[in-house]
C-alpha atoms as a PDB file:
ATOM      1  CA  MET A   1      20.994   9.755   1.444  1.00  0.00           C
ATOM      2  CA  SER A   2      18.700  12.405   2.882  1.00  0.00           C
ATOM      3  CA  GLN A   3      15.026  11.797   3.466  1.00  0.00           C
ATOM      4  CA  LEU A   4      14.161  13.947   0.472  1.00  0.00           C
ATOM      5  CA  GLU A   5      16.250  11.699  -1.758  1.00  0.00           C
ATOM      6  CA  THR A   6      14.399   8.538  -0.719  1.00  0.00           C
ATOM      7  CA  THR A   7      12.761   6.795  -3.655  1.00  0.00           C
ATOM      8  CA  VAL A   8       9.153   5.678  -3.577  1.00  0.00           C
ATOM      9  CA  ASP A   9       8.641   2.030  -4.537  1.00  0.00           C
ATOM     10  CA  THR A  10       5.043   0.855  -4.514  1.00  0.00           C
ATOM     11  CA  THR A  11       2.747  -2.047  -5.078  1.00  0.00           C
ATOM     12  CA  THR A  12      -0.923  -2.535  -4.505  1.00  0.00           C
ATOM     13  CA  GLU A  13      -2.683  -5.366  -2.775  1.00  0.00           C
ATOM     14  CA  GLN A  14      -6.288  -6.224  -2.023  1.00  0.00           C
ATOM     15  CA  VAL A  15      -7.205  -6.196   1.651  1.00  0.00           C
ATOM     16  CA  THR A  16      -8.516  -9.501   2.985  1.00  0.00           C
ATOM     17  CA  ASN A  17      -8.459  -9.230   6.778  1.00  0.00           C
ATOM     18  CA  PRO A  18     -10.591  -6.469   8.281  1.00  0.00           C
ATOM     19  CA  VAL A  19      -8.836  -4.364  10.881  1.00  0.00           C
ATOM     20  CA  THR A  20     -11.159  -1.379  10.998  1.00  0.00           C
ATOM     21  CA  ASP A  21     -14.902  -1.143  11.478  1.00  0.00           C
ATOM     22  CA  ASP A  22     -15.095   0.882   8.262  1.00  0.00           C
ATOM     23  CA  GLY A  23     -15.791  -1.628   5.476  1.00  0.00           C
ATOM     24  CA  ASP A  24     -14.636   0.735   2.728  1.00  0.00           C
ATOM     25  CA  HIS A  25     -11.031  -0.380   3.181  1.00  0.00           C
ATOM     26  CA  GLU A  26     -12.052  -3.866   2.063  1.00  0.00           C
ATOM     27  CA  LYS A  27     -13.164  -2.587  -1.365  1.00  0.00           C
ATOM     28  CA  PHE A  28      -9.791  -1.257  -2.493  1.00  0.00           C
ATOM     29  CA  ALA A  29      -6.285  -2.267  -3.459  1.00  0.00           C
ATOM     30  CA  HIS A  30      -3.903  -0.494  -1.093  1.00  0.00           C
ATOM     31  CA  VAL A  31      -0.400   0.879  -1.701  1.00  0.00           C
ATOM     32  CA  VAL A  32       2.522  -0.528   0.312  1.00  0.00           C
ATOM     33  CA  VAL A  33       6.024   0.961   0.380  1.00  0.00           C
ATOM     34  CA  PRO A  34       8.436  -0.658  -0.340  1.00  0.00           C
ATOM     35  CA  ALA A  35       6.919  -3.114  -2.818  1.00  0.00           C
ATOM     36  CA  SER A  36       9.274  -5.831  -1.584  1.00  0.00           C
ATOM     37  CA  ALA A  37       7.341  -5.853   1.708  1.00  0.00           C
ATOM     38  CA  VAL A  38       4.357  -7.394  -0.078  1.00  0.00           C
ATOM     39  CA  THR A  39       6.483 -10.176  -1.575  1.00  0.00           C
ATOM     40  CA  GLU A  40       7.937 -10.915   1.849  1.00  0.00           C
ATOM     41  CA  ALA A  41       4.449 -10.892   3.386  1.00  0.00           C
ATOM     42  CA  TYR A  42       3.204 -13.410   0.795  1.00  0.00           C
ATOM     43  CA  ILE A  43       6.051 -15.734   1.728  1.00  0.00           C
ATOM     44  CA  THR A  44       6.067 -15.287   5.492  1.00  0.00           C
ATOM     45  CA  GLY A  45       2.420 -14.465   6.158  1.00  0.00           C
ATOM     46  CA  THR A  46       3.330 -11.327   8.070  1.00  0.00           C
ATOM     47  CA  PRO A  47       1.082  -8.266   7.837  1.00  0.00           C
ATOM     48  CA  VAL A  48       1.941  -5.153   5.840  1.00  0.00           C
ATOM     49  CA  THR A  49       0.727  -1.592   6.367  1.00  0.00           C
ATOM     50  CA  ALA A  50      -0.561   0.537   3.508  1.00  0.00           C
ATOM     51  CA  LEU A  51       0.074   4.249   3.132  1.00  0.00           C
ATOM     52  CA  CYS A  52      -3.434   4.930   4.468  1.00  0.00           C
ATOM     53  CA  GLY A  53      -2.688   2.942   7.633  1.00  0.00           C
ATOM     54  CA  LYS A  54      -4.592  -0.247   6.750  1.00  0.00           C
ATOM     55  CA  THR A  55      -2.789  -3.375   8.006  1.00  0.00           C
ATOM     56  CA  TRP A  56      -3.410  -6.868   6.559  1.00  0.00           C
ATOM     57  CA  VAL A  57      -1.771 -10.043   5.258  1.00  0.00           C
ATOM     58  CA  PRO A  58      -1.778  -9.960   1.423  1.00  0.00           C
ATOM     59  CA  THR A  59      -3.296 -13.006  -0.258  1.00  0.00           C
ATOM     60  CA  ARG A  60      -5.159 -11.898  -3.400  1.00  0.00           C
ATOM     61  CA  ASP A  61      -4.663 -10.225  -6.778  1.00  0.00           C
ATOM     62  CA  PRO A  62      -4.819  -6.441  -6.288  1.00  0.00           C
ATOM     63  CA  GLY A  63      -5.374  -5.855  -9.996  1.00  0.00           C
ATOM     64  CA  ARG A  64      -9.055  -6.658  -9.593  1.00  0.00           C
ATOM     65  CA  TYR A  65      -9.706  -3.648  -7.353  1.00  0.00           C
ATOM     66  CA  GLN A  66      -9.617   0.133  -7.571  1.00  0.00           C
ATOM     67  CA  VAL A  67      -6.664   1.748  -5.765  1.00  0.00           C
ATOM     68  CA  CYS A  68      -7.533   3.203  -2.374  1.00  0.00           C
ATOM     69  CA  PRO A  69      -8.101   6.957  -2.863  1.00  0.00           C
ATOM     70  CA  THR A  70      -6.282   7.794   0.377  1.00  0.00           C
ATOM     71  CA  CYS A  71      -3.249   5.684  -0.581  1.00  0.00           C
ATOM     72  CA  GLN A  72      -3.228   7.258  -4.058  1.00  0.00           C
ATOM     73  CA  GLU A  73      -3.393  10.767  -2.624  1.00  0.00           C
ATOM     74  CA  ILE A  74      -0.476  10.070  -0.268  1.00  0.00           C
ATOM     75  CA  LEU A  75       1.539   8.436  -3.069  1.00  0.00           C
ATOM     76  CA  ASP A  76       0.925  11.364  -5.426  1.00  0.00           C
ATOM     77  CA  ALA A  77       2.007  13.841  -2.733  1.00  0.00           C
ATOM     78  CA  ALA A  78       5.190  11.830  -2.050  1.00  0.00           C
ATOM     79  CA  ARG A  79       6.025  11.679  -5.755  1.00  0.00           C
ATOM     80  CA  ALA A  80       5.429  15.436  -6.117  1.00  0.00           C
ATOM     81  CA  ALA A  81       7.687  16.114  -3.124  1.00  0.00           C
ATOM     82  CA  HIS A  82      10.411  14.022  -4.762  1.00  0.00           C
ATOM     83  CA  GLY A  83      10.205  15.820  -8.081  1.00  0.00           C
ATOM     84  CA  GLY A  84       7.640  13.553  -9.765  1.00  0.00           C
ATOM     85  CA  SER A  85       9.780  10.433  -9.758  1.00  0.00           C
END
């Protein structure tokens, strides 16, 4: 499978552990690819990295937060590059 044929699988998760000095990252749900990485992180306690570069250990419900604009922009661009899928 070529890189252009790679599918984009996503999930969002609220950030709980600050890694940057910029507090804005703490106010958003971030997008992680592949989504299975978040499930594994919940179980193992290992950190995940969002599309925007934010790294944290997921612990909370992401549905309560707005999606990170940077993650959303990157996700939209990836979907457009893959034909909207």
